[in-house]
Amino acid sequence: MRNFYQIIRPARLAKILDCSERTVWREVKMGRIPPPIQITPGVVGWSDTTVEQILEDRIAGRMVTLMPKPATEMATEKRGPGRPKKTPRTLAGLEADETPKRGGGRPRKSPEEHL
């Protein structure tokens, strides 16, 4: 048993894995990388043995997924509280004489008006 562990911070882990720091957090969220340990408020990291295990799994071709989240749960987390879900506009929701506006709503000129 070791007496101490070296803590690998997110930016350093990104360099080790040759990816961006955002990708590290995305993979944590998807369950491919275990969640970091809290060192102090606002400071997190992974033990060096955990990082070694991540590298060994990737070298061996094992993309370990620890706890996958359903796609619907991940999609709702992105929006944030109080922000309504966008609903697509369909032609069925429009009145008979109303047509969807494109290009800023400015009417197009007919070919005769161009001359």
C-alpha atoms as a PDB file:
ATOM      1  CA  MET A   1       0.000   0.000   0.000  1.00  0.00           C
ATOM      2  CA  ARG A   2       1.230   3.451  -0.884  1.00  0.00           C
ATOM      3  CA  ASN A   3       1.419   6.232   1.663  1.00  0.00           C
ATOM      4  CA  PHE A   4       0.433   8.957  -0.775  1.00  0.00           C
ATOM      5  CA  TYR A   5      -1.074   9.441  -4.208  1.00  0.00           C
ATOM      6  CA  GLN A   6      -0.271  12.019  -6.797  1.00  0.00           C
ATOM      7  CA  ILE A   7      -3.369  13.989  -7.824  1.00  0.00           C
ATOM      8  CA  ILE A   8      -3.863  14.651 -11.525  1.00  0.00           C
ATOM      9  CA  ARG A   9      -5.825  17.832 -12.214  1.00  0.00           C
ATOM     10  CA  PRO A  10      -8.253  18.114 -15.186  1.00  0.00           C
ATOM     11  CA  ALA A  11      -5.918  20.129 -17.452  1.00  0.00           C
ATOM     12  CA  ARG A  12      -3.090  17.661 -16.936  1.00  0.00           C
ATOM     13  CA  LEU A  13      -5.407  14.684 -17.512  1.00  0.00           C
ATOM     14  CA  ALA A  14      -6.465  16.279 -20.809  1.00  0.00           C
ATOM     15  CA  LYS A  15      -2.804  16.477 -21.885  1.00  0.00           C
ATOM     16  CA  ILE A  16      -2.198  12.867 -20.838  1.00  0.00           C
ATOM     17  CA  LEU A  17      -5.243  11.675 -22.814  1.00  0.00           C
ATOM     18  CA  ASP A  18      -4.411  14.021 -25.723  1.00  0.00           C
ATOM     19  CA  CYS A  19      -7.809  15.696 -25.734  1.00  0.00           C
ATOM     20  CA  SER A  20      -9.370  18.942 -24.572  1.00  0.00           C
ATOM     21  CA  GLU A  21     -10.392  19.602 -21.002  1.00  0.00           C
ATOM     22  CA  ARG A  22     -13.991  19.855 -22.205  1.00  0.00           C
ATOM     23  CA  THR A  23     -13.723  16.321 -23.600  1.00  0.00           C
ATOM     24  CA  VAL A  24     -12.501  15.095 -20.206  1.00  0.00           C
ATOM     25  CA  TRP A  25     -15.626  16.514 -18.533  1.00  0.00           C
ATOM     26  CA  ARG A  26     -17.853  15.165 -21.321  1.00  0.00           C
ATOM     27  CA  GLU A  27     -16.416  11.678 -20.778  1.00  0.00           C
ATOM     28  CA  VAL A  28     -16.915  11.994 -17.018  1.00  0.00           C
ATOM     29  CA  LYS A  29     -20.551  12.892 -17.671  1.00  0.00           C
ATOM     30  CA  MET A  30     -20.934   9.931 -20.054  1.00  0.00           C
ATOM     31  CA  GLY A  31     -19.346   7.575 -17.524  1.00  0.00           C
ATOM     32  CA  ARG A  32     -16.197   6.736 -19.507  1.00  0.00           C
ATOM     33  CA  ILE A  33     -13.939   8.384 -16.911  1.00  0.00           C
ATOM     34  CA  PRO A  34     -14.663   8.018 -13.194  1.00  0.00           C
ATOM     35  CA  PRO A  35     -15.704  11.182 -11.376  1.00  0.00           C
ATOM     36  CA  PRO A  36     -12.853  13.143  -9.795  1.00  0.00           C
ATOM     37  CA  ILE A  37     -12.238  13.350  -6.080  1.00  0.00           C
ATOM     38  CA  GLN A  38     -12.759  16.654  -4.302  1.00  0.00           C
ATOM     39  CA  ILE A  39      -9.511  17.999  -2.864  1.00  0.00           C
ATOM     40  CA  THR A  40     -10.768  21.366  -1.615  1.00  0.00           C
ATOM     41  CA  PRO A  41     -13.825  23.432  -2.565  1.00  0.00           C
ATOM     42  CA  GLY A  42     -13.440  24.139  -6.277  1.00  0.00           C
ATOM     43  CA  VAL A  43     -10.397  21.863  -6.719  1.00  0.00           C
ATOM     44  CA  VAL A  44     -10.796  18.337  -8.057  1.00  0.00           C
ATOM     45  CA  GLY A  45      -8.528  15.680  -9.514  1.00  0.00           C
ATOM     46  CA  TRP A  46      -7.914  11.978 -10.075  1.00  0.00           C
ATOM     47  CA  SER A  47      -5.392   9.763  -8.310  1.00  0.00           C
ATOM     48  CA  ASP A  48      -2.453   8.641 -10.411  1.00  0.00           C
ATOM     49  CA  THR A  49      -3.545   5.014 -10.069  1.00  0.00           C
ATOM     50  CA  THR A  50      -6.972   5.886 -11.501  1.00  0.00           C
ATOM     51  CA  VAL A  51      -5.333   7.625 -14.473  1.00  0.00           C
ATOM     52  CA  GLU A  52      -3.057   4.604 -14.993  1.00  0.00           C
ATOM     53  CA  GLN A  53      -6.141   2.357 -15.057  1.00  0.00           C
ATOM     54  CA  ILE A  54      -7.865   4.632 -17.602  1.00  0.00           C
ATOM     55  CA  LEU A  55      -4.780   4.470 -19.841  1.00  0.00           C
ATOM     56  CA  GLU A  56      -4.440   0.687 -19.479  1.00  0.00           C
ATOM     57  CA  ASP A  57      -8.107   0.234 -20.421  1.00  0.00           C
ATOM     58  CA  ARG A  58      -7.721   2.425 -23.495  1.00  0.00           C
ATOM     59  CA  ILE A  59      -4.530   0.699 -24.597  1.00  0.00           C
ATOM     60  CA  ALA A  60      -6.250  -2.679 -24.230  1.00  0.00           C
ATOM     61  CA  GLY A  61      -9.155  -1.365 -26.329  1.00  0.00           C
ATOM     62  CA  ARG A  62     -11.639  -1.376 -23.480  1.00  0.00           C
ATOM     63  CA  MET A  63     -13.785   1.747 -23.446  1.00  0.00           C
ATOM     64  CA  VAL A  64     -15.230   1.233 -20.012  1.00  0.00           C
ATOM     65  CA  THR A  65     -18.565   2.895 -19.385  1.00  0.00           C
ATOM     66  CA  LEU A  66     -19.148   3.208 -15.674  1.00  0.00           C
ATOM     67  CA  MET A  67     -22.647   4.629 -15.468  1.00  0.00           C
ATOM     68  CA  PRO A  68     -24.242   5.627 -18.761  1.00  0.00           C
ATOM     69  CA  LYS A  69     -27.040   8.153 -18.646  1.00  0.00           C
ATOM     70  CA  PRO A  70     -30.052   7.947 -20.925  1.00  0.00           C
ATOM     71  CA  ALA A  71     -29.852  10.354 -23.856  1.00  0.00           C
ATOM     72  CA  THR A  72     -33.053  12.096 -22.755  1.00  0.00           C
ATOM     73  CA  GLU A  73     -31.612  12.792 -19.307  1.00  0.00           C
ATOM     74  CA  MET A  74     -28.432  14.252 -20.811  1.00  0.00           C
ATOM     75  CA  ALA A  75     -30.447  16.430 -23.198  1.00  0.00           C
ATOM     76  CA  THR A  76     -32.575  17.908 -20.415  1.00  0.00           C
ATOM     77  CA  GLU A  77     -29.511  18.670 -18.298  1.00  0.00           C
ATOM     78  CA  LYS A  78     -28.082  20.916 -21.031  1.00  0.00           C
ATOM     79  CA  ARG A  79     -31.039  23.279 -20.992  1.00  0.00           C
ATOM     80  CA  GLY A  80     -30.912  24.486 -17.432  1.00  0.00           C
ATOM     81  CA  PRO A  81     -33.714  25.449 -15.084  1.00  0.00           C
ATOM     82  CA  GLY A  82     -36.441  27.780 -16.252  1.00  0.00           C
ATOM     83  CA  ARG A  83     -35.464  27.578 -19.900  1.00  0.00           C
ATOM     84  CA  PRO A  84     -38.380  26.239 -21.954  1.00  0.00           C
ATOM     85  CA  LYS A  85     -37.924  23.417 -24.404  1.00  0.00           C
ATOM     86  CA  LYS A  86     -38.069  24.574 -28.003  1.00  0.00           C
ATOM     87  CA  THR A  87     -40.835  23.050 -30.045  1.00  0.00           C
ATOM     88  CA  PRO A  88     -40.538  22.917 -33.822  1.00  0.00           C
ATOM     89  CA  ARG A  89     -43.014  24.962 -35.835  1.00  0.00           C
ATOM     90  CA  THR A  90     -45.087  22.937 -38.207  1.00  0.00           C
ATOM     91  CA  LEU A  91     -47.391  23.961 -41.015  1.00  0.00           C
ATOM     92  CA  ALA A  92     -50.271  22.292 -39.189  1.00  0.00           C
ATOM     93  CA  GLY A  93     -50.093  24.952 -36.465  1.00  0.00           C
ATOM     94  CA  LEU A  94     -50.518  27.868 -38.898  1.00  0.00           C
ATOM     95  CA  GLU A  95     -53.709  29.481 -40.094  1.00  0.00           C
ATOM     96  CA  ALA A  96     -54.857  28.740 -43.646  1.00  0.00           C
ATOM     97  CA  ASP A  97     -53.717  32.101 -45.073  1.00  0.00           C
ATOM     98  CA  GLU A  98     -50.515  32.290 -43.010  1.00  0.00           C
ATOM     99  CA  THR A  99     -47.275  30.936 -44.488  1.00  0.00           C
ATOM    100  CA  PRO A 100     -43.969  30.513 -42.708  1.00  0.00           C
ATOM    101  CA  LYS A 101     -41.681  33.517 -43.123  1.00  0.00           C
ATOM    102  CA  ARG A 102     -38.124  33.074 -44.282  1.00  0.00           C
ATOM    103  CA  GLY A 103     -35.347  35.574 -44.858  1.00  0.00           C
ATOM    104  CA  GLY A 104     -36.443  38.059 -42.221  1.00  0.00           C
ATOM    105  CA  GLY A 105     -40.072  38.157 -43.352  1.00  0.00           C
ATOM    106  CA  ARG A 106     -39.387  40.568 -46.198  1.00  0.00           C
ATOM    107  CA  PRO A 107     -41.574  39.743 -49.223  1.00  0.00           C
ATOM    108  CA  ARG A 108     -39.762  38.745 -52.383  1.00  0.00           C
ATOM    109  CA  LYS A 109     -40.196  40.811 -55.497  1.00  0.00           C
ATOM    110  CA  SER A 110     -41.859  39.157 -58.422  1.00  0.00           C
ATOM    111  CA  PRO A 111     -39.877  38.904 -61.700  1.00  0.00           C
ATOM    112  CA  GLU A 112     -41.954  41.734 -63.181  1.00  0.00           C
ATOM    113  CA  GLU A 113     -41.017  44.099 -60.312  1.00  0.00           C
ATOM    114  CA  HIS A 114     -37.287  43.583 -60.930  1.00  0.00           C
ATOM    115  CA  LEU A 115     -37.527  45.190 -64.393  1.00  0.00           C
END
